[in-house]
C-alpha atoms as a PDB file:
ATOM      1  CA  MET A   1      -0.198  -0.430  -0.385  1.00  0.00           C
ATOM      2  CA  THR A   2       1.403   3.648  -0.919  1.00  0.00           C
ATOM      3  CA  ILE A   3       1.523   6.289   1.662  1.00  0.00           C
ATOM      4  CA  ALA A   4       0.070   9.704   0.975  1.00  0.00           C
ATOM      5  CA  THR A   5       3.113  11.903   0.407  1.00  0.00           C
ATOM      6  CA  ALA A   6       1.996  14.567   2.862  1.00  0.00           C
ATOM      7  CA  ASP A   7       2.350  11.607   5.712  1.00  0.00           C
ATOM      8  CA  LEU A   8       5.542  10.793   4.387  1.00  0.00           C
ATOM      9  CA  TYR A   9       6.796  13.972   4.549  1.00  0.00           C
ATOM     10  CA  ASP A  10       4.995  14.692   8.235  1.00  0.00           C
ATOM     11  CA  GLU A  11       7.179  11.447   9.075  1.00  0.00           C
ATOM     12  CA  ARG A  12      10.642  11.907   7.457  1.00  0.00           C
ATOM     13  CA  GLY A  13      11.042  15.807   6.450  1.00  0.00           C
ATOM     14  CA  GLU A  14      14.141  16.927   5.318  1.00  0.00           C
ATOM     15  CA  GLU A  15      15.180  13.585   4.182  1.00  0.00           C
ATOM     16  CA  LEU A  16      13.292  13.731   1.357  1.00  0.00           C
ATOM     17  CA  ASP A  17      12.817  16.528  -1.542  1.00  0.00           C
ATOM     18  CA  SER A  18       9.211  17.949  -2.611  1.00  0.00           C
ATOM     19  CA  VAL A  19       8.738  19.072  -6.225  1.00  0.00           C
ATOM     20  CA  ALA A  20       7.005  22.170  -6.648  1.00  0.00           C
ATOM     21  CA  ARG A  21       6.279  21.944 -10.346  1.00  0.00           C
ATOM     22  CA  GLN A  22       2.668  21.259 -10.711  1.00  0.00           C
ATOM     23  CA  PHE A  23       2.522  17.977 -12.744  1.00  0.00           C
ATOM     24  CA  GLN A  24      -1.079  16.970 -13.509  1.00  0.00           C
ATOM     25  CA  ASP A  25      -2.182  12.875 -12.868  1.00  0.00           C
ATOM     26  CA  LEU A  26      -3.123  11.504 -16.060  1.00  0.00           C
ATOM     27  CA  GLY A  27      -2.424   7.440 -15.623  1.00  0.00           C
ATOM     28  CA  GLY A  28      -5.453   5.350 -13.863  1.00  0.00           C
ATOM     29  CA  ARG A  29      -3.717   4.922 -11.002  1.00  0.00           C
ATOM     30  CA  ALA A  30      -3.250   8.209  -8.648  1.00  0.00           C
ATOM     31  CA  ALA A  31      -0.595   6.964  -5.937  1.00  0.00           C
ATOM     32  CA  PHE A  32       2.589   5.093  -6.656  1.00  0.00           C
ATOM     33  CA  ASP A  33       6.091   4.553  -5.950  1.00  0.00           C
ATOM     34  CA  GLY A  34       9.537   3.148  -6.638  1.00  0.00           C
ATOM     35  CA  PRO A  35      12.873   2.746  -7.285  1.00  0.00           C
ATOM     36  CA  VAL A  36      13.988   5.792 -10.090  1.00  0.00           C
ATOM     37  CA  ARG A  37      15.039   5.130 -13.687  1.00  0.00           C
ATOM     38  CA  THR A  38      15.807   7.653 -15.685  1.00  0.00           C
ATOM     39  CA  VAL A  39      15.940   9.155 -19.411  1.00  0.00           C
ATOM     40  CA  ARG A  40      16.825  12.789 -20.651  1.00  0.00           C
ATOM     41  CA  CYS A  41      15.414  13.467 -24.496  1.00  0.00           C
ATOM     42  CA  HIS A  42      14.379  16.492 -25.691  1.00  0.00           C
ATOM     43  CA  ARG A  43      11.455  16.054 -27.648  1.00  0.00           C
ATOM     44  CA  ASP A  44      12.442  12.185 -29.137  1.00  0.00           C
ATOM     45  CA  ASN A  45      10.842   9.036 -27.645  1.00  0.00           C
ATOM     46  CA  ALA A  46      12.535   6.181 -28.650  1.00  0.00           C
ATOM     47  CA  LEU A  47      14.788   5.784 -25.453  1.00  0.00           C
ATOM     48  CA  VAL A  48      11.682   6.232 -23.131  1.00  0.00           C
ATOM     49  CA  LYS A  49      10.124   3.145 -25.862  1.00  0.00           C
ATOM     50  CA  SER A  50      12.869   1.356 -25.276  1.00  0.00           C
ATOM     51  CA  VAL A  51      13.593   1.313 -21.232  1.00  0.00           C
ATOM     52  CA  LEU A  52       9.787   1.038 -20.685  1.00  0.00           C
ATOM     53  CA  SER A  53       9.920  -2.264 -23.278  1.00  0.00           C
ATOM     54  CA  SER A  54      12.430  -3.680 -20.304  1.00  0.00           C
ATOM     55  CA  PRO A  55      11.288  -5.226 -17.345  1.00  0.00           C
ATOM     56  CA  GLY A  56      10.029  -2.437 -14.828  1.00  0.00           C
ATOM     57  CA  HIS A  57      10.360  -4.315 -11.748  1.00  0.00           C
ATOM     58  CA  GLY A  58       8.311  -2.145  -9.982  1.00  0.00           C
ATOM     59  CA  ALA A  59      10.089   0.945 -11.357  1.00  0.00           C
ATOM     60  CA  VAL A  60       9.066   4.673 -11.537  1.00  0.00           C
ATOM     61  CA  LEU A  61      11.072   5.920 -15.068  1.00  0.00           C
ATOM     62  CA  VAL A  62      11.284   9.673 -14.364  1.00  0.00           C
ATOM     63  CA  VAL A  63      12.031  11.417 -18.091  1.00  0.00           C
ATOM     64  CA  ASP A  64      13.030  14.549 -18.335  1.00  0.00           C
ATOM     65  CA  GLY A  65      11.951  16.101 -21.743  1.00  0.00           C
ATOM     66  CA  GLY A  66      13.131  19.907 -20.612  1.00  0.00           C
ATOM     67  CA  GLY A  67       9.424  20.800 -19.760  1.00  0.00           C
ATOM     68  CA  SER A  68       8.882  21.086 -23.432  1.00  0.00           C
ATOM     69  CA  LEU A  69       5.508  20.809 -24.222  1.00  0.00           C
ATOM     70  CA  GLU A  70       6.073  20.628 -28.056  1.00  0.00           C
ATOM     71  CA  SER A  71       5.703  16.789 -28.692  1.00  0.00           C
ATOM     72  CA  ALA A  72       4.445  14.234 -26.512  1.00  0.00           C
ATOM     73  CA  LEU A  73       7.216  11.842 -25.207  1.00  0.00           C
ATOM     74  CA  VAL A  74       4.690   8.805 -24.196  1.00  0.00           C
ATOM     75  CA  GLY A  75       1.400   7.797 -25.456  1.00  0.00           C
ATOM     76  CA  ASP A  76      -0.977   4.859 -25.091  1.00  0.00           C
ATOM     77  CA  LEU A  77       1.129   2.248 -26.490  1.00  0.00           C
ATOM     78  CA  ILE A  78       4.205   2.691 -24.843  1.00  0.00           C
ATOM     79  CA  ALA A  79       2.775   3.272 -21.757  1.00  0.00           C
ATOM     80  CA  ALA A  80       0.896  -0.392 -22.639  1.00  0.00           C
ATOM     81  CA  SER A  81       4.301  -1.735 -22.965  1.00  0.00           C
ATOM     82  CA  ALA A  82       5.206  -0.181 -19.023  1.00  0.00           C
ATOM     83  CA  VAL A  83       2.147  -1.727 -17.801  1.00  0.00           C
ATOM     84  CA  GLU A  84       3.385  -4.999 -19.234  1.00  0.00           C
ATOM     85  CA  ASN A  85       6.362  -4.879 -18.250  1.00  0.00           C
ATOM     86  CA  GLY A  86       5.900  -3.886 -14.735  1.00  0.00           C
ATOM     87  CA  TRP A  87       6.194  -0.115 -14.348  1.00  0.00           C
ATOM     88  CA  ALA A  88       4.929   1.340 -11.150  1.00  0.00           C
ATOM     89  CA  GLY A  89       4.721   4.734 -13.169  1.00  0.00           C
ATOM     90  CA  ILE A  90       6.413   7.568 -15.415  1.00  0.00           C
ATOM     91  CA  ILE A  91       6.850  11.174 -14.558  1.00  0.00           C
ATOM     92  CA  VAL A  92       7.489  13.046 -17.434  1.00  0.00           C
ATOM     93  CA  ASN A  93       9.094  16.966 -17.486  1.00  0.00           C
ATOM     94  CA  GLY A  94       6.742  17.717 -20.828  1.00  0.00           C
ATOM     95  CA  ALA A  95       3.902  16.145 -22.274  1.00  0.00           C
ATOM     96  CA  ILE A  96       2.105  12.877 -22.789  1.00  0.00           C
ATOM     97  CA  ARG A  97      -0.963  12.345 -25.632  1.00  0.00           C
ATOM     98  CA  ASP A  98      -3.784  10.158 -26.048  1.00  0.00           C
ATOM     99  CA  ARG A  99      -4.808  10.969 -21.925  1.00  0.00           C
ATOM    100  CA  GLU A 100      -8.208   9.009 -22.086  1.00  0.00           C
ATOM    101  CA  ALA A 101      -6.714   5.742 -23.547  1.00  0.00           C
ATOM    102  CA  LEU A 102      -3.859   6.575 -20.401  1.00  0.00           C
ATOM    103  CA  ALA A 103      -6.808   7.237 -18.012  1.00  0.00           C
ATOM    104  CA  ARG A 104      -7.646   3.947 -18.484  1.00  0.00           C
ATOM    105  CA  LEU A 105      -4.104   1.816 -17.590  1.00  0.00           C
ATOM    106  CA  ASP A 106      -3.455   0.771 -14.037  1.00  0.00           C
ATOM    107  CA  LEU A 107      -0.213   3.144 -13.846  1.00  0.00           C
ATOM    108  CA  GLY A 108       0.714   6.556 -12.789  1.00  0.00           C
ATOM    109  CA  ILE A 109       1.105   8.854 -15.177  1.00  0.00           C
ATOM    110  CA  LYS A 110       2.386  12.526 -14.139  1.00  0.00           C
ATOM    111  CA  ALA A 111       3.022  14.846 -16.712  1.00  0.00           C
ATOM    112  CA  LEU A 112       3.158  18.580 -17.651  1.00  0.00           C
ATOM    113  CA  GLY A 113       0.991  18.268 -20.182  1.00  0.00           C
ATOM    114  CA  SER A 114      -0.763  16.699 -23.674  1.00  0.00           C
ATOM    115  CA  ASN A 115       0.423  17.598 -27.243  1.00  0.00           C
ATOM    116  CA  PRO A 116      -1.047  15.298 -30.249  1.00  0.00           C
ATOM    117  CA  ARG A 117       2.197  15.841 -31.753  1.00  0.00           C
ATOM    118  CA  LYS A 118       4.356  12.874 -32.205  1.00  0.00           C
ATOM    119  CA  SER A 119       7.789  13.198 -31.070  1.00  0.00           C
ATOM    120  CA  ALA A 120      11.147  12.068 -33.197  1.00  0.00           C
ATOM    121  CA  LYS A 121      12.379   8.008 -32.920  1.00  0.00           C
ATOM    122  CA  ALA A 122      16.465   9.093 -33.704  1.00  0.00           C
ATOM    123  CA  GLY A 123      17.063   7.684 -29.794  1.00  0.00           C
ATOM    124  CA  VAL A 124      19.055  10.946 -28.754  1.00  0.00           C
ATOM    125  CA  GLY A 125      19.453  11.325 -25.001  1.00  0.00           C
ATOM    126  CA  GLU A 126      20.451   9.435 -22.413  1.00  0.00           C
ATOM    127  CA  VAL A 127      19.392   7.098 -19.847  1.00  0.00           C
ATOM    128  CA  ASP A 128      20.105   6.197 -16.035  1.00  0.00           C
ATOM    129  CA  VAL A 129      21.710   9.575 -15.644  1.00  0.00           C
ATOM    130  CA  PRO A 130      21.061  12.022 -12.525  1.00  0.00           C
ATOM    131  CA  VAL A 131      18.337  14.301 -13.752  1.00  0.00           C
ATOM    132  CA  THR A 132      17.509  17.765 -12.057  1.00  0.00           C
ATOM    133  CA  ILE A 133      13.499  18.781 -12.553  1.00  0.00           C
ATOM    134  CA  ALA A 134      12.584  22.196 -10.763  1.00  0.00           C
ATOM    135  CA  GLY A 135      15.420  22.133  -8.638  1.00  0.00           C
ATOM    136  CA  VAL A 136      15.354  18.453  -7.321  1.00  0.00           C
ATOM    137  CA  VAL A 137      17.591  15.638  -8.088  1.00  0.00           C
ATOM    138  CA  PHE A 138      16.529  12.573  -9.625  1.00  0.00           C
ATOM    139  CA  ALA A 139      19.087   9.576  -9.598  1.00  0.00           C
ATOM    140  CA  PRO A 140      18.638   6.080 -10.808  1.00  0.00           C
ATOM    141  CA  GLY A 141      17.858   3.975  -7.932  1.00  0.00           C
ATOM    142  CA  LEU A 142      16.852   6.819  -5.210  1.00  0.00           C
ATOM    143  CA  HIS A 143      12.885   5.655  -3.846  1.00  0.00           C
ATOM    144  CA  VAL A 144       9.927   7.788  -5.304  1.00  0.00           C
ATOM    145  CA  TRP A 145       6.780   8.805  -4.295  1.00  0.00           C
ATOM    146  CA  ALA A 146       4.140  10.368  -6.491  1.00  0.00           C
ATOM    147  CA  ASP A 147       0.179  11.294  -5.292  1.00  0.00           C
ATOM    148  CA  ALA A 148      -2.306  13.654  -6.041  1.00  0.00           C
ATOM    149  CA  ASP A 149      -0.967  16.295  -3.644  1.00  0.00           C
ATOM    150  CA  GLY A 150       2.831  16.300  -5.483  1.00  0.00           C
ATOM    151  CA  ILE A 151       6.388  13.986  -5.933  1.00  0.00           C
ATOM    152  CA  LEU A 152       8.389  13.187  -3.239  1.00  0.00           C
ATOM    153  CA  VAL A 153      12.189  11.624  -3.756  1.00  0.00           C
ATOM    154  CA  GLU A 154      14.845  10.448  -1.401  1.00  0.00           C
ATOM    155  CA  ARG A 155      17.958  12.475  -1.393  1.00  0.00           C
END
């Protein structure tokens, strides 16, 4: 059972970083947590697709798209693959698409917004590197918790 982020912060306080950037809840699971995996990419989702096509073991993929809303980094097919491969959730510092389909999946998804435009598929970016979103560092292996109140990550 996932603990509420507000309760977790009350319990652990300064051991956790709280992400101030406001993300939308777009998946079918409102609360999720797991170890962090990362992808850094800009308007190119080939690495996102590749990572989410591999076994997730309950991890959360944090995708740093630089906050761009110009094209989607996750859509229904990639998200369905994440469910099939055992991922707990996806946090996208950027856009997704197929909002209605994503809302029906048993997957936590937080993103800044949506855009129907596809992204490039060249595979440009980095996997499993520390990424910083709104001043908060997400490093592979740290634990992240997300719910309707926001996102917390271990320091």
